[in-house]
């Protein structure tokens, strides 16, 4: 039973879907995550939903990155063994 099923899902609500992200240079993320979690040190090359340019975001293992990423680029993303999306 989901006590919150009658409530709208917002960017501030807990995630309702978790998925593994495979970095790709041209394919947009679907669904758009509310946040990312990485399990290794490195750099995530991403583009946020409302941004015009990619950003190299340094990350540490276990870090939660609170960004609505439209893209996680393969080129420039280093060091992680996996990236999880939370939508």
C-alpha atoms as a PDB file:
ATOM      1  CA  UNK A   1       0.000   0.000   0.000  1.00  0.00           C
ATOM      2  CA  UNK A   2       1.331   3.414  -0.983  1.00  0.00           C
ATOM      3  CA  UNK A   3       0.089   6.027   1.489  1.00  0.00           C
ATOM      4  CA  UNK A   4       1.272   8.781  -0.861  1.00  0.00           C
ATOM      5  CA  UNK A   5      -0.255   7.618  -4.134  1.00  0.00           C
ATOM      6  CA  UNK A   6      -2.814  10.447  -4.053  1.00  0.00           C
ATOM      7  CA  UNK A   7      -0.029  13.058  -3.813  1.00  0.00           C
ATOM      8  CA  UNK A   8       1.597  14.639  -6.848  1.00  0.00           C
ATOM      9  CA  UNK A   9       5.173  13.656  -7.641  1.00  0.00           C
ATOM     10  CA  UNK A  10       7.405  16.744  -7.533  1.00  0.00           C
ATOM     11  CA  UNK A  11      11.119  17.453  -7.857  1.00  0.00           C
ATOM     12  CA  UNK A  12      11.241  17.619  -4.044  1.00  0.00           C
ATOM     13  CA  UNK A  13       9.406  14.339  -3.442  1.00  0.00           C
ATOM     14  CA  UNK A  14      11.307  11.122  -2.716  1.00  0.00           C
ATOM     15  CA  UNK A  15      12.194   9.117  -5.798  1.00  0.00           C
ATOM     16  CA  UNK A  16       9.638   6.640  -7.078  1.00  0.00           C
ATOM     17  CA  UNK A  17      11.929   4.996  -9.635  1.00  0.00           C
ATOM     18  CA  UNK A  18      15.614   3.973  -9.519  1.00  0.00           C
ATOM     19  CA  UNK A  19      17.597   3.034 -12.597  1.00  0.00           C
ATOM     20  CA  UNK A  20      21.136   2.394 -13.758  1.00  0.00           C
ATOM     21  CA  UNK A  21      22.523   5.037 -16.118  1.00  0.00           C
ATOM     22  CA  UNK A  22      24.795   4.092 -18.994  1.00  0.00           C
ATOM     23  CA  UNK A  23      26.684   7.244 -20.065  1.00  0.00           C
ATOM     24  CA  UNK A  24      26.127   8.063 -23.742  1.00  0.00           C
ATOM     25  CA  UNK A  25      27.318  11.030 -25.784  1.00  0.00           C
ATOM     26  CA  UNK A  26      24.049  11.761 -27.617  1.00  0.00           C
ATOM     27  CA  UNK A  27      21.175   9.882 -25.955  1.00  0.00           C
ATOM     28  CA  UNK A  28      19.147  11.933 -23.437  1.00  0.00           C
ATOM     29  CA  UNK A  29      18.162  10.392 -20.108  1.00  0.00           C
ATOM     30  CA  UNK A  30      14.652   9.059 -19.791  1.00  0.00           C
ATOM     31  CA  UNK A  31      13.150   9.441 -17.324  1.00  0.00           C
ATOM     32  CA  UNK A  32      14.829  12.623 -16.104  1.00  0.00           C
ATOM     33  CA  UNK A  33      16.381  11.906 -12.710  1.00  0.00           C
ATOM     34  CA  UNK A  34      15.848  14.054  -9.627  1.00  0.00           C
ATOM     35  CA  UNK A  35      19.344  13.117  -8.466  1.00  0.00           C
ATOM     36  CA  UNK A  36      22.301  10.876  -9.270  1.00  0.00           C
ATOM     37  CA  UNK A  37      24.360   8.565  -7.062  1.00  0.00           C
ATOM     38  CA  UNK A  38      27.830   7.427  -8.052  1.00  0.00           C
ATOM     39  CA  UNK A  39      29.708   4.537  -6.502  1.00  0.00           C
ATOM     40  CA  UNK A  40      33.247   5.537  -7.482  1.00  0.00           C
ATOM     41  CA  UNK A  41      35.523   8.569  -7.481  1.00  0.00           C
ATOM     42  CA  UNK A  42      35.880  10.410 -10.779  1.00  0.00           C
ATOM     43  CA  UNK A  43      34.148  12.948 -12.979  1.00  0.00           C
ATOM     44  CA  UNK A  44      30.593  12.921 -14.322  1.00  0.00           C
ATOM     45  CA  UNK A  45      30.227  14.924 -17.526  1.00  0.00           C
ATOM     46  CA  UNK A  46      26.616  16.063 -17.497  1.00  0.00           C
ATOM     47  CA  UNK A  47      24.211  18.618 -18.865  1.00  0.00           C
ATOM     48  CA  UNK A  48      21.430  19.799 -16.574  1.00  0.00           C
ATOM     49  CA  UNK A  49      17.887  20.095 -17.916  1.00  0.00           C
ATOM     50  CA  UNK A  50      17.933  23.884 -18.349  1.00  0.00           C
ATOM     51  CA  UNK A  51      21.621  24.281 -19.236  1.00  0.00           C
ATOM     52  CA  UNK A  52      23.146  25.061 -22.615  1.00  0.00           C
ATOM     53  CA  UNK A  53      26.513  23.451 -21.900  1.00  0.00           C
ATOM     54  CA  UNK A  54      28.010  20.325 -20.359  1.00  0.00           C
ATOM     55  CA  UNK A  55      29.726  20.496 -16.952  1.00  0.00           C
ATOM     56  CA  UNK A  56      32.495  18.266 -15.632  1.00  0.00           C
ATOM     57  CA  UNK A  57      31.325  17.482 -12.085  1.00  0.00           C
ATOM     58  CA  UNK A  58      33.948  15.857  -9.804  1.00  0.00           C
ATOM     59  CA  UNK A  59      32.419  13.175  -7.570  1.00  0.00           C
ATOM     60  CA  UNK A  60      33.401  10.935  -4.666  1.00  0.00           C
ATOM     61  CA  UNK A  61      32.216   7.375  -4.110  1.00  0.00           C
ATOM     62  CA  UNK A  62      28.730   7.325  -2.581  1.00  0.00           C
ATOM     63  CA  UNK A  63      28.024  10.967  -3.406  1.00  0.00           C
ATOM     64  CA  UNK A  64      24.496  12.054  -4.244  1.00  0.00           C
ATOM     65  CA  UNK A  65      24.449  14.732  -6.933  1.00  0.00           C
ATOM     66  CA  UNK A  66      21.186  16.726  -6.649  1.00  0.00           C
ATOM     67  CA  UNK A  67      20.825  17.630 -10.330  1.00  0.00           C
ATOM     68  CA  UNK A  68      18.160  16.997 -12.963  1.00  0.00           C
ATOM     69  CA  UNK A  69      20.521  15.820 -15.665  1.00  0.00           C
ATOM     70  CA  UNK A  70      19.284  15.605 -19.249  1.00  0.00           C
ATOM     71  CA  UNK A  71      22.530  13.939 -20.406  1.00  0.00           C
ATOM     72  CA  UNK A  72      25.352  11.955 -18.839  1.00  0.00           C
ATOM     73  CA  UNK A  73      28.100  11.973 -21.457  1.00  0.00           C
ATOM     74  CA  UNK A  74      30.375   8.973 -21.999  1.00  0.00           C
ATOM     75  CA  UNK A  75      33.165  11.271 -23.168  1.00  0.00           C
ATOM     76  CA  UNK A  76      34.609  12.963 -20.096  1.00  0.00           C
ATOM     77  CA  UNK A  77      32.923  10.695 -17.533  1.00  0.00           C
ATOM     78  CA  UNK A  78      35.608   8.795 -15.638  1.00  0.00           C
ATOM     79  CA  UNK A  79      36.193   6.448 -12.750  1.00  0.00           C
ATOM     80  CA  UNK A  80      32.694   5.326 -11.755  1.00  0.00           C
ATOM     81  CA  UNK A  81      31.670   1.712 -11.797  1.00  0.00           C
ATOM     82  CA  UNK A  82      28.006   2.719 -11.887  1.00  0.00           C
ATOM     83  CA  UNK A  83      25.747   5.764 -11.831  1.00  0.00           C
ATOM     84  CA  UNK A  84      22.211   5.447 -10.483  1.00  0.00           C
ATOM     85  CA  UNK A  85      19.351   7.786 -11.368  1.00  0.00           C
ATOM     86  CA  UNK A  86      16.488   8.537  -9.030  1.00  0.00           C
ATOM     87  CA  UNK A  87      13.250   9.771 -10.572  1.00  0.00           C
END
